[in-house]
C-alpha cells in the first residue's frame, strides 16, 4: 500500500537523476532501491539511509521536507524489528 508521502521518494529519485554535479549517481540510486527492498539486511539498509542523508545534507539548497521524510523512514525501519 502506498504511503501518503511516497511522492517525496519519487522527488528525491528525480533530484538524484537530474543532479549534474554527481559523478556517481549509481550508488545513490542503488541506495534508493535498497531502502524499499525487504530482503536487504538491516546493516545494508542503514548504510543506504546514511548515504542518502549525507547526500541531502550536502546539497547546496536542501529541502527540509525531504530530510524529514528520510529521517522518518529511517526511524520507522528501525522500529519494524
PDB file of N, CA and C in Angstrom:
ATOM      1  N   UNK A   1       0.841  -1.189   0.000  1.00  0.00           N
ATOM      2  CA  UNK A   1       0.000   0.000   0.000  1.00  0.00           C
ATOM      3  C   UNK A   1       0.885   1.249   0.000  1.00  0.00           C
ATOM      4  N   UNK A   2       0.534   2.193  -0.822  1.00  0.00           N
ATOM      5  CA  UNK A   2       1.331   3.413  -0.939  1.00  0.00           C
ATOM      6  C   UNK A   2       1.156   4.289   0.292  1.00  0.00           C
ATOM      7  N   UNK A   3       2.245   4.870   0.719  1.00  0.00           N
ATOM      8  CA  UNK A   3       2.228   5.802   1.838  1.00  0.00           C
ATOM      9  C   UNK A   3       1.895   7.193   1.297  1.00  0.00           C
ATOM     10  N   UNK A   4       1.260   8.046   2.099  1.00  0.00           N
ATOM     11  CA  UNK A   4       0.895   9.378   1.617  1.00  0.00           C
ATOM     12  C   UNK A   4       2.096  10.231   1.209  1.00  0.00           C
ATOM     13  N   UNK A   5       3.270   9.927   1.740  1.00  0.00           N
ATOM     14  CA  UNK A   5       4.450  10.733   1.416  1.00  0.00           C
ATOM     15  C   UNK A   5       5.358  10.059   0.388  1.00  0.00           C
ATOM     16  N   UNK A   6       4.843   9.069  -0.336  1.00  0.00           N
ATOM     17  CA  UNK A   6       5.652   8.398  -1.345  1.00  0.00           C
ATOM     18  C   UNK A   6       6.085   9.335  -2.470  1.00  0.00           C
ATOM     19  N   UNK A   7       5.339  10.415  -2.677  1.00  0.00           N
ATOM     20  CA  UNK A   7       5.738  11.373  -3.706  1.00  0.00           C
ATOM     21  C   UNK A   7       7.113  11.961  -3.381  1.00  0.00           C
ATOM     22  N   UNK A   8       7.464  12.028  -2.107  1.00  0.00           N
ATOM     23  CA  UNK A   8       8.776  12.556  -1.722  1.00  0.00           C
ATOM     24  C   UNK A   8       9.883  11.595  -2.137  1.00  0.00           C
ATOM     25  N   UNK A   9       9.616  10.298  -2.055  1.00  0.00           N
ATOM     26  CA  UNK A   9      10.573   9.296  -2.537  1.00  0.00           C
ATOM     27  C   UNK A   9      10.816   9.538  -4.024  1.00  0.00           C
ATOM     28  N   UNK A  10       9.733   9.709  -4.781  1.00  0.00           N
ATOM     29  CA  UNK A  10       9.848   9.966  -6.217  1.00  0.00           C
ATOM     30  C   UNK A  10      10.585  11.273  -6.486  1.00  0.00           C
ATOM     31  N   UNK A  11      10.310  12.295  -5.687  1.00  0.00           N
ATOM     32  CA  UNK A  11      11.002  13.579  -5.842  1.00  0.00           C
ATOM     33  C   UNK A  11      12.503  13.423  -5.639  1.00  0.00           C
ATOM     34  N   UNK A  12      12.887  12.705  -4.586  1.00  0.00           N
ATOM     35  CA  UNK A  12      14.311  12.510  -4.313  1.00  0.00           C
ATOM     36  C   UNK A  12      14.964  11.709  -5.430  1.00  0.00           C
ATOM     37  N   UNK A  13      14.284  10.692  -5.915  1.00  0.00           N
ATOM     38  CA  UNK A  13      14.798   9.896  -7.028  1.00  0.00           C
ATOM     39  C   UNK A  13      15.060  10.801  -8.235  1.00  0.00           C
ATOM     40  N   UNK A  14      14.107  11.674  -8.557  1.00  0.00           N
ATOM     41  CA  UNK A  14      14.266  12.601  -9.681  1.00  0.00           C
ATOM     42  C   UNK A  14      15.414  13.579  -9.455  1.00  0.00           C
ATOM     43  N   UNK A  15      15.542  14.078  -8.237  1.00  0.00           N
ATOM     44  CA  UNK A  15      16.625  15.014  -7.915  1.00  0.00           C
ATOM     45  C   UNK A  15      17.980  14.362  -8.156  1.00  0.00           C
ATOM     46  N   UNK A  16      18.126  13.122  -7.701  1.00  0.00           N
ATOM     47  CA  UNK A  16      19.392  12.406  -7.885  1.00  0.00           C
ATOM     48  C   UNK A  16      19.662  12.205  -9.370  1.00  0.00           C
ATOM     49  N   UNK A  17      18.650  11.775 -10.113  1.00  0.00           N
ATOM     50  CA  UNK A  17      18.832  11.533 -11.542  1.00  0.00           C
ATOM     51  C   UNK A  17      19.221  12.798 -12.299  1.00  0.00           C
ATOM     52  N   UNK A  18      18.686  13.942 -11.898  1.00  0.00           N
ATOM     53  CA  UNK A  18      18.918  15.194 -12.627  1.00  0.00           C
ATOM     54  C   UNK A  18      20.117  15.990 -12.116  1.00  0.00           C
ATOM     55  N   UNK A  19      20.732  15.558 -11.019  1.00  0.00           N
ATOM     56  CA  UNK A  19      21.843  16.294 -10.419  1.00  0.00           C
ATOM     57  C   UNK A  19      23.083  16.197 -11.306  1.00  0.00           C
ATOM     58  N   UNK A  20      23.446  17.302 -11.916  1.00  0.00           N
ATOM     59  CA  UNK A  20      24.594  17.330 -12.826  1.00  0.00           C
ATOM     60  C   UNK A  20      25.932  17.346 -12.086  1.00  0.00           C
ATOM     61  N   UNK A  21      25.912  17.614 -10.786  1.00  0.00           N
ATOM     62  CA  UNK A  21      27.160  17.675 -10.031  1.00  0.00           C
ATOM     63  C   UNK A  21      27.609  16.302  -9.534  1.00  0.00           C
ATOM     64  N   UNK A  22      26.707  15.329  -9.561  1.00  0.00           N
ATOM     65  CA  UNK A  22      27.062  13.989  -9.080  1.00  0.00           C
ATOM     66  C   UNK A  22      27.924  13.273 -10.105  1.00  0.00           C
ATOM     67  N   UNK A  23      29.021  12.713  -9.633  1.00  0.00           N
ATOM     68  CA  UNK A  23      29.871  11.943 -10.535  1.00  0.00           C
ATOM     69  C   UNK A  23      29.461  10.476 -10.563  1.00  0.00           C
ATOM     70  N   UNK A  24      28.893   9.978  -9.464  1.00  0.00           N
ATOM     71  CA  UNK A  24      28.459   8.586  -9.410  1.00  0.00           C
ATOM     72  C   UNK A  24      27.041   8.500  -8.846  1.00  0.00           C
ATOM     73  N   UNK A  25      26.081   8.583  -9.730  1.00  0.00           N
ATOM     74  CA  UNK A  25      24.677   8.514  -9.319  1.00  0.00           C
ATOM     75  C   UNK A  25      24.275   7.093  -8.958  1.00  0.00           C
ATOM     76  N   UNK A  26      25.012   6.131  -9.487  1.00  0.00           N
ATOM     77  CA  UNK A  26      24.649   4.725  -9.306  1.00  0.00           C
ATOM     78  C   UNK A  26      24.526   4.353  -7.827  1.00  0.00           C
ATOM     79  N   UNK A  27      25.469   4.778  -7.002  1.00  0.00           N
ATOM     80  CA  UNK A  27      25.438   4.445  -5.567  1.00  0.00           C
ATOM     81  C   UNK A  27      24.185   4.972  -4.892  1.00  0.00           C
ATOM     82  N   UNK A  28      23.824   6.209  -5.180  1.00  0.00           N
ATOM     83  CA  UNK A  28      22.645   6.805  -4.549  1.00  0.00           C
ATOM     84  C   UNK A  28      21.354   6.176  -5.067  1.00  0.00           C
ATOM     85  N   UNK A  29      21.304   5.892  -6.357  1.00  0.00           N
ATOM     86  CA  UNK A  29      20.105   5.257  -6.901  1.00  0.00           C
ATOM     87  C   UNK A  29      19.952   3.842  -6.348  1.00  0.00           C
ATOM     88  N   UNK A  30      21.066   3.131  -6.190  1.00  0.00           N
ATOM     89  CA  UNK A  30      21.014   1.803  -5.561  1.00  0.00           C
ATOM     90  C   UNK A  30      20.528   1.917  -4.118  1.00  0.00           C
ATOM     91  N   UNK A  31      20.974   2.946  -3.416  1.00  0.00           N
ATOM     92  CA  UNK A  31      20.532   3.160  -2.034  1.00  0.00           C
ATOM     93  C   UNK A  31      19.024   3.396  -1.992  1.00  0.00           C
ATOM     94  N   UNK A  32      18.499   4.113  -2.977  1.00  0.00           N
ATOM     95  CA  UNK A  32      17.055   4.345  -3.044  1.00  0.00           C
ATOM     96  C   UNK A  32      16.297   3.025  -3.157  1.00  0.00           C
ATOM     97  N   UNK A  33      16.805   2.118  -3.978  1.00  0.00           N
ATOM     98  CA  UNK A  33      16.143   0.822  -4.133  1.00  0.00           C
ATOM     99  C   UNK A  33      16.313  -0.037  -2.885  1.00  0.00           C
ATOM    100  N   UNK A  34      17.482   0.041  -2.269  1.00  0.00           N
ATOM    101  CA  UNK A  34      17.760  -0.783  -1.087  1.00  0.00           C
ATOM    102  C   UNK A  34      16.817  -0.472   0.072  1.00  0.00           C
ATOM    103  N   UNK A  35      16.479   0.787   0.270  1.00  0.00           N
ATOM    104  CA  UNK A  35      15.632   1.128   1.414  1.00  0.00           C
ATOM    105  C   UNK A  35      14.211   0.603   1.255  1.00  0.00           C
ATOM    106  N   UNK A  36      13.829   0.249   0.034  1.00  0.00           N
ATOM    107  CA  UNK A  36      12.488  -0.298  -0.206  1.00  0.00           C
ATOM    108  C   UNK A  36      12.468  -1.815  -0.301  1.00  0.00           C
ATOM    109  N   UNK A  37      13.621  -2.437  -0.336  1.00  0.00           N
ATOM    110  CA  UNK A  37      13.694  -3.886  -0.510  1.00  0.00           C
ATOM    111  C   UNK A  37      13.706  -4.580   0.848  1.00  0.00           C
ATOM    112  N   UNK A  38      12.657  -5.333   1.130  1.00  0.00           N
ATOM    113  CA  UNK A  38      12.524  -6.015   2.422  1.00  0.00           C
ATOM    114  C   UNK A  38      13.567  -7.111   2.621  1.00  0.00           C
ATOM    115  N   UNK A  39      14.153  -7.608   1.528  1.00  0.00           N
ATOM    116  CA  UNK A  39      15.115  -8.703   1.654  1.00  0.00           C
ATOM    117  C   UNK A  39      16.538  -8.225   1.971  1.00  0.00           C
ATOM    118  N   UNK A  40      16.757  -6.926   1.969  1.00  0.00           N
ATOM    119  CA  UNK A  40      18.088  -6.368   2.244  1.00  0.00           C
ATOM    120  C   UNK A  40      18.355  -6.425   3.746  1.00  0.00           C
ATOM    121  N   UNK A  41      19.578  -6.817   4.100  1.00  0.00           N
ATOM    122  CA  UNK A  41      19.979  -6.891   5.512  1.00  0.00           C
ATOM    123  C   UNK A  41      19.903  -5.508   6.156  1.00  0.00           C
ATOM    124  N   UNK A  42      19.577  -5.499   7.441  1.00  0.00           N
ATOM    125  CA  UNK A  42      19.375  -4.244   8.182  1.00  0.00           C
ATOM    126  C   UNK A  42      20.610  -3.339   8.141  1.00  0.00           C
ATOM    127  N   UNK A  43      21.801  -3.915   8.277  1.00  0.00           N
ATOM    128  CA  UNK A  43      23.008  -3.078   8.266  1.00  0.00           C
ATOM    129  C   UNK A  43      23.221  -2.420   6.902  1.00  0.00           C
ATOM    130  N   UNK A  44      22.861  -3.106   5.835  1.00  0.00           N
ATOM    131  CA  UNK A  44      22.998  -2.518   4.494  1.00  0.00           C
ATOM    132  C   UNK A  44      21.962  -1.411   4.284  1.00  0.00           C
ATOM    133  N   UNK A  45      20.756  -1.607   4.832  1.00  0.00           N
ATOM    134  CA  UNK A  45      19.738  -0.556   4.744  1.00  0.00           C
ATOM    135  C   UNK A  45      20.179   0.680   5.506  1.00  0.00           C
ATOM    136  N   UNK A  46      20.764   0.465   6.676  1.00  0.00           N
ATOM    137  CA  UNK A  46      21.252   1.586   7.476  1.00  0.00           C
ATOM    138  C   UNK A  46      22.306   2.362   6.700  1.00  0.00           C
ATOM    139  N   UNK A  47      23.223   1.654   6.049  1.00  0.00           N
ATOM    140  CA  UNK A  47      24.244   2.312   5.237  1.00  0.00           C
ATOM    141  C   UNK A  47      23.613   3.090   4.086  1.00  0.00           C
ATOM    142  N   UNK A  48      22.564   2.523   3.489  1.00  0.00           N
ATOM    143  CA  UNK A  48      21.877   3.202   2.388  1.00  0.00           C
ATOM    144  C   UNK A  48      21.221   4.493   2.878  1.00  0.00           C
ATOM    145  N   UNK A  49      20.544   4.424   4.031  1.00  0.00           N
ATOM    146  CA  UNK A  49      19.930   5.632   4.596  1.00  0.00           C
ATOM    147  C   UNK A  49      21.000   6.674   4.912  1.00  0.00           C
ATOM    148  N   UNK A  50      22.112   6.247   5.474  1.00  0.00           N
ATOM    149  CA  UNK A  50      23.192   7.185   5.806  1.00  0.00           C
ATOM    150  C   UNK A  50      23.735   7.857   4.552  1.00  0.00           C
ATOM    151  N   UNK A  51      23.902   7.087   3.490  1.00  0.00           N
ATOM    152  CA  UNK A  51      24.402   7.629   2.226  1.00  0.00           C
ATOM    153  C   UNK A  51      23.426   8.688   1.683  1.00  0.00           C
ATOM    154  N   UNK A  52      22.142   8.379   1.730  1.00  0.00           N
ATOM    155  CA  UNK A  52      21.137   9.324   1.230  1.00  0.00           C
ATOM    156  C   UNK A  52      21.057  10.576   2.096  1.00  0.00           C
ATOM    157  N   UNK A  53      21.120  10.408   3.400  1.00  0.00           N
ATOM    158  CA  UNK A  53      21.071  11.566   4.297  1.00  0.00           C
ATOM    159  C   UNK A  53      22.305  12.444   4.109  1.00  0.00           C
ATOM    160  N   UNK A  54      23.453  11.826   3.883  1.00  0.00           N
ATOM    161  CA  UNK A  54      24.675  12.598   3.641  1.00  0.00           C
ATOM    162  C   UNK A  54      24.531  13.401   2.343  1.00  0.00           C
ATOM    163  N   UNK A  55      23.975  12.776   1.325  1.00  0.00           N
ATOM    164  CA  UNK A  55      23.735  13.486   0.067  1.00  0.00           C
ATOM    165  C   UNK A  55      22.820  14.688   0.296  1.00  0.00           C
ATOM    166  N   UNK A  56      21.715  14.462   1.014  1.00  0.00           N
ATOM    167  CA  UNK A  56      20.773  15.553   1.282  1.00  0.00           C
ATOM    168  C   UNK A  56      21.431  16.678   2.079  1.00  0.00           C
ATOM    169  N   UNK A  57      22.241  16.309   3.055  1.00  0.00           N
ATOM    170  CA  UNK A  57      22.889  17.313   3.905  1.00  0.00           C
ATOM    171  C   UNK A  57      23.909  18.144   3.129  1.00  0.00           C
ATOM    172  N   UNK A  58      24.475  17.580   2.070  1.00  0.00           N
ATOM    173  CA  UNK A  58      25.498  18.279   1.299  1.00  0.00           C
ATOM    174  C   UNK A  58      24.952  19.023   0.086  1.00  0.00           C
ATOM    175  N   UNK A  59      23.650  18.979  -0.100  1.00  0.00           N
ATOM    176  CA  UNK A  59      23.062  19.720  -1.217  1.00  0.00           C
ATOM    177  C   UNK A  59      23.174  21.213  -0.922  1.00  0.00           C
ATOM    178  N   UNK A  60      23.451  22.026  -1.950  1.00  0.00           N
ATOM    179  CA  UNK A  60      23.564  23.469  -1.723  1.00  0.00           C
ATOM    180  C   UNK A  60      22.285  24.058  -1.122  1.00  0.00           C
ATOM    181  N   UNK A  61      21.148  23.615  -1.583  1.00  0.00           N
ATOM    182  CA  UNK A  61      19.868  24.076  -1.033  1.00  0.00           C
ATOM    183  C   UNK A  61      19.036  22.819  -0.822  1.00  0.00           C
ATOM    184  N   UNK A  62      19.050  22.340   0.401  1.00  0.00           N
ATOM    185  CA  UNK A  62      18.318  21.102   0.636  1.00  0.00           C
ATOM    186  C   UNK A  62      16.928  21.372   1.154  1.00  0.00           C
ATOM    187  N   UNK A  63      16.096  20.413   0.925  1.00  0.00           N
ATOM    188  CA  UNK A  63      14.671  20.525   1.211  1.00  0.00           C
ATOM    189  C   UNK A  63      14.375  19.902   2.576  1.00  0.00           C
ATOM    190  N   UNK A  64      13.914  20.721   3.516  1.00  0.00           N
ATOM    191  CA  UNK A  64      13.596  20.226   4.862  1.00  0.00           C
ATOM    192  C   UNK A  64      12.598  19.077   4.822  1.00  0.00           C
ATOM    193  N   UNK A  65      11.637  19.169   3.915  1.00  0.00           N
ATOM    194  CA  UNK A  65      10.617  18.127   3.828  1.00  0.00           C
ATOM    195  C   UNK A  65      11.240  16.786   3.438  1.00  0.00           C
ATOM    196  N   UNK A  66      12.185  16.799   2.502  1.00  0.00           N
ATOM    197  CA  UNK A  66      12.857  15.559   2.104  1.00  0.00           C
ATOM    198  C   UNK A  66      13.719  15.002   3.231  1.00  0.00           C
ATOM    199  N   UNK A  67      14.419  15.871   3.927  1.00  0.00           N
ATOM    200  CA  UNK A  67      15.260  15.424   5.043  1.00  0.00           C
ATOM    201  C   UNK A  67      14.387  14.805   6.133  1.00  0.00           C
ATOM    202  N   UNK A  68      13.288  15.457   6.465  1.00  0.00           N
ATOM    203  CA  UNK A  68      12.371  14.905   7.471  1.00  0.00           C
ATOM    204  C   UNK A  68      11.782  13.580   7.014  1.00  0.00           C
ATOM    205  N   UNK A  69      11.440  13.497   5.743  1.00  0.00           N
ATOM    206  CA  UNK A  69      10.886  12.266   5.176  1.00  0.00           C
ATOM    207  C   UNK A  69      11.867  11.106   5.327  1.00  0.00           C
ATOM    208  N   UNK A  70      13.120  11.334   4.933  1.00  0.00           N
ATOM    209  CA  UNK A  70      14.113  10.259   5.018  1.00  0.00           C
ATOM    210  C   UNK A  70      14.389   9.901   6.473  1.00  0.00           C
ATOM    211  N   UNK A  71      14.452  10.881   7.347  1.00  0.00           N
ATOM    212  CA  UNK A  71      14.659  10.608   8.769  1.00  0.00           C
ATOM    213  C   UNK A  71      13.523   9.787   9.356  1.00  0.00           C
ATOM    214  N   UNK A  72      12.297  10.114   8.964  1.00  0.00           N
ATOM    215  CA  UNK A  72      11.127   9.376   9.445  1.00  0.00           C
ATOM    216  C   UNK A  72      11.130   7.952   8.915  1.00  0.00           C
ATOM    217  N   UNK A  73      11.454   7.796   7.637  1.00  0.00           N
ATOM    218  CA  UNK A  73      11.519   6.439   7.058  1.00  0.00           C
ATOM    219  C   UNK A  73      12.577   5.613   7.776  1.00  0.00           C
ATOM    220  N   UNK A  74      13.713   6.223   8.047  1.00  0.00           N
ATOM    221  CA  UNK A  74      14.789   5.510   8.736  1.00  0.00           C
ATOM    222  C   UNK A  74      14.327   5.097  10.129  1.00  0.00           C
ATOM    223  N   UNK A  75      13.695   6.002  10.842  1.00  0.00           N
ATOM    224  CA  UNK A  75      13.208   5.690  12.195  1.00  0.00           C
ATOM    225  C   UNK A  75      12.172   4.572  12.152  1.00  0.00           C
ATOM    226  N   UNK A  76      11.268   4.616  11.174  1.00  0.00           N
ATOM    227  CA  UNK A  76      10.264   3.550  11.042  1.00  0.00           C
ATOM    228  C   UNK A  76      10.914   2.214  10.748  1.00  0.00           C
ATOM    229  N   UNK A  77      11.972   2.220   9.941  1.00  0.00           N
ATOM    230  CA  UNK A  77      12.642   0.955   9.607  1.00  0.00           C
ATOM    231  C   UNK A  77      13.297   0.354  10.844  1.00  0.00           C
ATOM    232  N   UNK A  78      13.746   1.205  11.751  1.00  0.00           N
ATOM    233  CA  UNK A  78      14.382   0.722  12.982  1.00  0.00           C
ATOM    234  C   UNK A  78      13.362   0.147  13.957  1.00  0.00           C
ATOM    235  N   UNK A  79      12.125   0.622  13.920  1.00  0.00           N
ATOM    236  CA  UNK A  79      11.109   0.139  14.858  1.00  0.00           C
ATOM    237  C   UNK A  79      10.354  -1.074  14.329  1.00  0.00           C
ATOM    238  N   UNK A  80      10.572  -1.463  13.072  1.00  0.00           N
ATOM    239  CA  UNK A  80       9.892  -2.618  12.488  1.00  0.00           C
ATOM    240  C   UNK A  80      10.425  -3.945  12.995  1.00  0.00           C
ATOM    241  N   UNK A  81      11.564  -3.938  13.616  1.00  0.00           N
ATOM    242  CA  UNK A  81      12.223  -5.177  14.040  1.00  0.00           C
ATOM    243  C   UNK A  81      11.343  -6.042  14.866  1.00  0.00           C
TER     244      UNK A  81
END
